[in-house]
Amino acid sequence: MDKINSQVQYLSKTIDDFRNFFRGDTSDIKDAFCKLEELTKDSLKDNYIKYYNKSVDTKLLLNENLFI
């Protein structure tokens, strides 16, 4: 049940992400790289690529989703 709930929450967030894809808010670059890591972690792992996020707290003045 926990795994099913986790997947449902993930899919719900994905739907929200698509709904807000073109919203042009200012975003934190650290959050953008965390989302990028979440999207690519399986592919990176399958190809033996290690990812290190050493970004600093900086605001983006562009659409975070387009940046990712």
PDB file of N, CA and C in Angstrom:
ATOM      1  N   MET A   1       0.822  -1.190   0.000  1.00  0.00           N
ATOM      2  CA  MET A   1       0.000   0.000   0.000  1.00  0.00           C
ATOM      3  C   MET A   1       0.868   1.257   0.000  1.00  0.00           C
ATOM      4  N   ASP A   2       1.981   1.232   0.749  1.00  0.00           N
ATOM      5  CA  ASP A   2       2.864   2.398   0.785  1.00  0.00           C
ATOM      6  C   ASP A   2       3.461   2.678  -0.593  1.00  0.00           C
ATOM      7  N   LYS A   3       3.866   1.630  -1.285  1.00  0.00           N
ATOM      8  CA  LYS A   3       4.449   1.797  -2.615  1.00  0.00           C
ATOM      9  C   LYS A   3       3.406   2.340  -3.598  1.00  0.00           C
ATOM     10  N   ILE A   4       2.186   1.835  -3.528  1.00  0.00           N
ATOM     11  CA  ILE A   4       1.115   2.323  -4.394  1.00  0.00           C
ATOM     12  C   ILE A   4       0.840   3.792  -4.102  1.00  0.00           C
ATOM     13  N   ASN A   5       0.766   4.142  -2.835  1.00  0.00           N
ATOM     14  CA  ASN A   5       0.537   5.530  -2.446  1.00  0.00           C
ATOM     15  C   ASN A   5       1.659   6.430  -2.947  1.00  0.00           C
ATOM     16  N   SER A   6       2.889   5.968  -2.831  1.00  0.00           N
ATOM     17  CA  SER A   6       4.035   6.737  -3.307  1.00  0.00           C
ATOM     18  C   SER A   6       3.943   6.981  -4.812  1.00  0.00           C
ATOM     19  N   GLN A   7       3.577   5.951  -5.565  1.00  0.00           N
ATOM     20  CA  GLN A   7       3.444   6.091  -7.014  1.00  0.00           C
ATOM     21  C   GLN A   7       2.301   7.037  -7.383  1.00  0.00           C
ATOM     22  N   VAL A   8       1.195   6.963  -6.669  1.00  0.00           N
ATOM     23  CA  VAL A   8       0.063   7.851  -6.925  1.00  0.00           C
ATOM     24  C   VAL A   8       0.460   9.296  -6.656  1.00  0.00           C
ATOM     25  N   GLN A   9       1.184   9.533  -5.564  1.00  0.00           N
ATOM     26  CA  GLN A   9       1.644  10.884  -5.248  1.00  0.00           C
ATOM     27  C   GLN A   9       2.590  11.398  -6.331  1.00  0.00           C
ATOM     28  N   TYR A  10       3.478  10.533  -6.810  1.00  0.00           N
ATOM     29  CA  TYR A  10       4.418  10.903  -7.862  1.00  0.00           C
ATOM     30  C   TYR A  10       3.668  11.272  -9.140  1.00  0.00           C
ATOM     31  N   LEU A  11       2.690  10.469  -9.522  1.00  0.00           N
ATOM     32  CA  LEU A  11       1.905  10.748 -10.730  1.00  0.00           C
ATOM     33  C   LEU A  11       1.090  12.029 -10.575  1.00  0.00           C
ATOM     34  N   SER A  12       0.567  12.265  -9.395  1.00  0.00           N
ATOM     35  CA  SER A  12      -0.172  13.489  -9.140  1.00  0.00           C
ATOM     36  C   SER A  12       0.737  14.710  -9.297  1.00  0.00           C
ATOM     37  N   LYS A  13       1.946  14.611  -8.781  1.00  0.00           N
ATOM     38  CA  LYS A  13       2.914  15.703  -8.926  1.00  0.00           C
ATOM     39  C   LYS A  13       3.287  15.902 -10.384  1.00  0.00           C
ATOM     40  N   THR A  14       3.412  14.804 -11.134  1.00  0.00           N
ATOM     41  CA  THR A  14       3.722  14.894 -12.554  1.00  0.00           C
ATOM     42  C   THR A  14       2.619  15.648 -13.299  1.00  0.00           C
ATOM     43  N   ILE A  15       1.382  15.357 -12.975  1.00  0.00           N
ATOM     44  CA  ILE A  15       0.258  16.068 -13.593  1.00  0.00           C
ATOM     45  C   ILE A  15       0.333  17.555 -13.271  1.00  0.00           C
ATOM     46  N   ASP A  16       0.633  17.888 -12.017  1.00  0.00           N
ATOM     47  CA  ASP A  16       0.781  19.298 -11.632  1.00  0.00           C
ATOM     48  C   ASP A  16       1.934  19.952 -12.382  1.00  0.00           C
ATOM     49  N   ASP A  17       3.035  19.218 -12.557  1.00  0.00           N
ATOM     50  CA  ASP A  17       4.182  19.753 -13.296  1.00  0.00           C
ATOM     51  C   ASP A  17       3.805  20.073 -14.738  1.00  0.00           C
ATOM     52  N   PHE A  18       3.061  19.180 -15.382  1.00  0.00           N
ATOM     53  CA  PHE A  18       2.619  19.448 -16.745  1.00  0.00           C
ATOM     54  C   PHE A  18       1.677  20.639 -16.795  1.00  0.00           C
ATOM     55  N   ARG A  19       0.819  20.745 -15.828  1.00  0.00           N
ATOM     56  CA  ARG A  19      -0.141  21.851 -15.781  1.00  0.00           C
ATOM     57  C   ARG A  19       0.596  23.188 -15.656  1.00  0.00           C
ATOM     58  N   ASN A  20       1.680  23.198 -14.911  1.00  0.00           N
ATOM     59  CA  ASN A  20       2.413  24.441 -14.649  1.00  0.00           C
ATOM     60  C   ASN A  20       3.667  24.592 -15.511  1.00  0.00           C
ATOM     61  N   PHE A  21       3.806  23.780 -16.558  1.00  0.00           N
ATOM     62  CA  PHE A  21       5.052  23.724 -17.318  1.00  0.00           C
ATOM     63  C   PHE A  21       5.489  25.079 -17.861  1.00  0.00           C
ATOM     64  N   PHE A  22       4.573  25.861 -18.407  1.00  0.00           N
ATOM     65  CA  PHE A  22       4.964  27.106 -19.047  1.00  0.00           C
ATOM     66  C   PHE A  22       4.849  28.328 -18.146  1.00  0.00           C
ATOM     67  N   ARG A  23       4.614  28.108 -16.890  1.00  0.00           N
ATOM     68  CA  ARG A  23       4.563  29.223 -15.953  1.00  0.00           C
ATOM     69  C   ARG A  23       5.975  29.795 -15.814  1.00  0.00           C
ATOM     70  N   GLY A  24       6.130  31.089 -15.986  1.00  0.00           N
ATOM     71  CA  GLY A  24       7.454  31.706 -16.005  1.00  0.00           C
ATOM     72  C   GLY A  24       7.862  32.319 -14.691  1.00  0.00           C
ATOM     73  N   ASP A  25       7.835  31.565 -13.634  1.00  0.00           N
ATOM     74  CA  ASP A  25       8.196  32.096 -12.325  1.00  0.00           C
ATOM     75  C   ASP A  25       9.712  32.124 -12.142  1.00  0.00           C
ATOM     76  N   THR A  26      10.157  32.949 -11.225  1.00  0.00           N
ATOM     77  CA  THR A  26      11.539  32.944 -10.802  1.00  0.00           C
ATOM     78  C   THR A  26      11.740  31.739  -9.895  1.00  0.00           C
ATOM     79  N   SER A  27      12.804  30.980 -10.121  1.00  0.00           N
ATOM     80  CA  SER A  27      13.011  29.744  -9.376  1.00  0.00           C
ATOM     81  C   SER A  27      14.420  29.692  -8.800  1.00  0.00           C
ATOM     82  N   ASP A  28      14.585  28.862  -7.795  1.00  0.00           N
ATOM     83  CA  ASP A  28      15.882  28.628  -7.183  1.00  0.00           C
ATOM     84  C   ASP A  28      16.622  27.585  -8.021  1.00  0.00           C
ATOM     85  N   ILE A  29      17.844  27.890  -8.428  1.00  0.00           N
ATOM     86  CA  ILE A  29      18.602  26.989  -9.297  1.00  0.00           C
ATOM     87  C   ILE A  29      18.892  25.655  -8.600  1.00  0.00           C
ATOM     88  N   LYS A  30      19.031  25.692  -7.285  1.00  0.00           N
ATOM     89  CA  LYS A  30      19.270  24.462  -6.530  1.00  0.00           C
ATOM     90  C   LYS A  30      18.088  23.505  -6.684  1.00  0.00           C
ATOM     91  N   ASP A  31      16.871  24.035  -6.612  1.00  0.00           N
ATOM     92  CA  ASP A  31      15.673  23.225  -6.791  1.00  0.00           C
ATOM     93  C   ASP A  31      15.599  22.675  -8.215  1.00  0.00           C
ATOM     94  N   ALA A  32      15.995  23.492  -9.189  1.00  0.00           N
ATOM     95  CA  ALA A  32      15.965  23.051 -10.588  1.00  0.00           C
ATOM     96  C   ALA A  32      16.900  21.862 -10.793  1.00  0.00           C
ATOM     97  N   PHE A  33      18.086  21.914 -10.215  1.00  0.00           N
ATOM     98  CA  PHE A  33      19.021  20.801 -10.362  1.00  0.00           C
ATOM     99  C   PHE A  33      18.552  19.559  -9.601  1.00  0.00           C
ATOM    100  N   CYS A  34      17.860  19.747  -8.490  1.00  0.00           N
ATOM    101  CA  CYS A  34      17.291  18.599  -7.774  1.00  0.00           C
ATOM    102  C   CYS A  34      16.224  17.919  -8.630  1.00  0.00           C
ATOM    103  N   LYS A  35      15.382  18.717  -9.294  1.00  0.00           N
ATOM    104  CA  LYS A  35      14.369  18.147 -10.173  1.00  0.00           C
ATOM    105  C   LYS A  35      15.007  17.454 -11.365  1.00  0.00           C
ATOM    106  N   LEU A  36      16.059  18.056 -11.898  1.00  0.00           N
ATOM    107  CA  LEU A  36      16.780  17.439 -13.011  1.00  0.00           C
ATOM    108  C   LEU A  36      17.368  16.101 -12.593  1.00  0.00           C
ATOM    109  N   GLU A  37      17.938  16.051 -11.412  1.00  0.00           N
ATOM    110  CA  GLU A  37      18.496  14.797 -10.896  1.00  0.00           C
ATOM    111  C   GLU A  37      17.398  13.740 -10.747  1.00  0.00           C
ATOM    112  N   GLU A  38      16.251  14.150 -10.244  1.00  0.00           N
ATOM    113  CA  GLU A  38      15.136  13.209 -10.066  1.00  0.00           C
ATOM    114  C   GLU A  38      14.673  12.634 -11.404  1.00  0.00           C
ATOM    115  N   LEU A  39      14.661  13.475 -12.429  1.00  0.00           N
ATOM    116  CA  LEU A  39      14.227  13.030 -13.752  1.00  0.00           C
ATOM    117  C   LEU A  39      15.231  12.094 -14.426  1.00  0.00           C
ATOM    118  N   THR A  40      16.506  12.255 -14.129  1.00  0.00           N
ATOM    119  CA  THR A  40      17.540  11.519 -14.861  1.00  0.00           C
ATOM    120  C   THR A  40      18.264  10.458 -14.034  1.00  0.00           C
ATOM    121  N   LYS A  41      17.923  10.301 -12.768  1.00  0.00           N
ATOM    122  CA  LYS A  41      18.699   9.438 -11.886  1.00  0.00           C
ATOM    123  C   LYS A  41      18.773   7.990 -12.365  1.00  0.00           C
ATOM    124  N   ASP A  42      17.667   7.444 -12.867  1.00  0.00           N
ATOM    125  CA  ASP A  42      17.686   6.053 -13.320  1.00  0.00           C
ATOM    126  C   ASP A  42      18.569   5.875 -14.550  1.00  0.00           C
ATOM    127  N   SER A  43      18.464   6.805 -15.476  1.00  0.00           N
ATOM    128  CA  SER A  43      19.282   6.743 -16.685  1.00  0.00           C
ATOM    129  C   SER A  43      20.766   6.891 -16.350  1.00  0.00           C
ATOM    130  N   LEU A  44      21.072   7.826 -15.456  1.00  0.00           N
ATOM    131  CA  LEU A  44      22.466   8.018 -15.052  1.00  0.00           C
ATOM    132  C   LEU A  44      23.006   6.769 -14.362  1.00  0.00           C
ATOM    133  N   LYS A  45      22.209   6.196 -13.474  1.00  0.00           N
ATOM    134  CA  LYS A  45      22.626   4.996 -12.745  1.00  0.00           C
ATOM    135  C   LYS A  45      22.854   3.835 -13.704  1.00  0.00           C
ATOM    136  N   ASP A  46      21.957   3.660 -14.676  1.00  0.00           N
ATOM    137  CA  ASP A  46      22.090   2.575 -15.645  1.00  0.00           C
ATOM    138  C   ASP A  46      23.354   2.709 -16.489  1.00  0.00           C
ATOM    139  N   ASN A  47      23.836   3.942 -16.647  1.00  0.00           N
ATOM    140  CA  ASN A  47      25.039   4.186 -17.446  1.00  0.00           C
ATOM    141  C   ASN A  47      26.271   4.467 -16.584  1.00  0.00           C
ATOM    142  N   TYR A  48      26.169   4.132 -15.296  1.00  0.00           N
ATOM    143  CA  TYR A  48      27.280   4.256 -14.344  1.00  0.00           C
ATOM    144  C   TYR A  48      27.820   5.691 -14.271  1.00  0.00           C
ATOM    145  N   ILE A  49      26.902   6.632 -14.294  1.00  0.00           N
ATOM    146  CA  ILE A  49      27.274   8.038 -14.201  1.00  0.00           C
ATOM    147  C   ILE A  49      26.878   8.548 -12.830  1.00  0.00           C
ATOM    148  N   LYS A  50      27.837   9.136 -12.120  1.00  0.00           N
ATOM    149  CA  LYS A  50      27.553   9.724 -10.813  1.00  0.00           C
ATOM    150  C   LYS A  50      27.292  11.209 -10.990  1.00  0.00           C
ATOM    151  N   TYR A  51      26.304  11.693 -10.266  1.00  0.00           N
ATOM    152  CA  TYR A  51      25.879  13.089 -10.355  1.00  0.00           C
ATOM    153  C   TYR A  51      26.059  13.743  -8.991  1.00  0.00           C
ATOM    154  N   TYR A  52      26.747  14.868  -8.964  1.00  0.00           N
ATOM    155  CA  TYR A  52      26.938  15.615  -7.727  1.00  0.00           C
ATOM    156  C   TYR A  52      26.353  17.006  -7.912  1.00  0.00           C
ATOM    157  N   ASN A  53      25.449  17.373  -7.043  1.00  0.00           N
ATOM    158  CA  ASN A  53      24.823  18.690  -7.099  1.00  0.00           C
ATOM    159  C   ASN A  53      25.511  19.595  -6.084  1.00  0.00           C
ATOM    160  N   LYS A  54      26.334  20.496  -6.596  1.00  0.00           N
ATOM    161  CA  LYS A  54      27.035  21.447  -5.733  1.00  0.00           C
ATOM    162  C   LYS A  54      26.623  22.877  -6.078  1.00  0.00           C
ATOM    163  N   SER A  55      25.370  23.044  -6.464  1.00  0.00           N
ATOM    164  CA  SER A  55      24.885  24.362  -6.841  1.00  0.00           C
ATOM    165  C   SER A  55      24.676  25.225  -5.606  1.00  0.00           C
ATOM    166  N   VAL A  56      24.682  26.507  -5.819  1.00  0.00           N
ATOM    167  CA  VAL A  56      24.479  27.468  -4.735  1.00  0.00           C
ATOM    168  C   VAL A  56      23.064  28.026  -4.832  1.00  0.00           C
ATOM    169  N   ASP A  57      22.620  28.674  -3.781  1.00  0.00           N
ATOM    170  CA  ASP A  57      21.291  29.285  -3.779  1.00  0.00           C
ATOM    171  C   ASP A  57      21.312  30.535  -4.654  1.00  0.00           C
ATOM    172  N   THR A  58      20.802  30.383  -5.863  1.00  0.00           N
ATOM    173  CA  THR A  58      20.732  31.479  -6.820  1.00  0.00           C
ATOM    174  C   THR A  58      19.370  31.437  -7.483  1.00  0.00           C
ATOM    175  N   LYS A  59      18.795  32.571  -7.706  1.00  0.00           N
ATOM    176  CA  LYS A  59      17.475  32.639  -8.349  1.00  0.00           C
ATOM    177  C   LYS A  59      17.628  32.661  -9.863  1.00  0.00           C
ATOM    178  N   LEU A  60      16.721  31.946 -10.537  1.00  0.00           N
ATOM    179  CA  LEU A  60      16.653  31.966 -11.989  1.00  0.00           C
ATOM    180  C   LEU A  60      15.587  32.962 -12.414  1.00  0.00           C
ATOM    181  N   LEU A  61      15.873  33.746 -13.413  1.00  0.00           N
ATOM    182  CA  LEU A  61      14.881  34.682 -13.928  1.00  0.00           C
ATOM    183  C   LEU A  61      14.333  34.156 -15.249  1.00  0.00           C
ATOM    184  N   LEU A  62      14.025  32.862 -15.276  1.00  0.00           N
ATOM    185  CA  LEU A  62      13.478  32.236 -16.466  1.00  0.00           C
ATOM    186  C   LEU A  62      12.617  31.060 -16.061  1.00  0.00           C
ATOM    187  N   ASN A  63      11.991  30.444 -17.024  1.00  0.00           N
ATOM    188  CA  ASN A  63      11.109  29.314 -16.755  1.00  0.00           C
ATOM    189  C   ASN A  63      11.943  28.104 -16.342  1.00  0.00           C
ATOM    190  N   GLU A  64      11.751  27.636 -15.134  1.00  0.00           N
ATOM    191  CA  GLU A  64      12.533  26.519 -14.591  1.00  0.00           C
ATOM    192  C   GLU A  64      12.375  25.271 -15.436  1.00  0.00           C
ATOM    193  N   ASN A  65      11.167  24.969 -15.878  1.00  0.00           N
ATOM    194  CA  ASN A  65      10.943  23.764 -16.666  1.00  0.00           C
ATOM    195  C   ASN A  65      11.657  23.793 -18.000  1.00  0.00           C
ATOM    196  N   LEU A  66      11.675  24.935 -18.648  1.00  0.00           N
ATOM    197  CA  LEU A  66      12.417  25.050 -19.907  1.00  0.00           C
ATOM    198  C   LEU A  66      13.916  24.926 -19.663  1.00  0.00           C
ATOM    199  N   PHE A  67      14.396  25.430 -18.547  1.00  0.00           N
ATOM    200  CA  PHE A  67      15.806  25.290 -18.177  1.00  0.00           C
ATOM    201  C   PHE A  67      16.175  23.835 -17.988  1.00  0.00           C
ATOM    202  N   ILE A  68      15.332  23.095 -17.274  1.00  0.00           N
ATOM    203  CA  ILE A  68      15.597  21.676 -17.034  1.00  0.00           C
ATOM    204  C   ILE A  68      15.592  20.929 -18.344  1.00  0.00           C
TER     205      ILE A  68
END
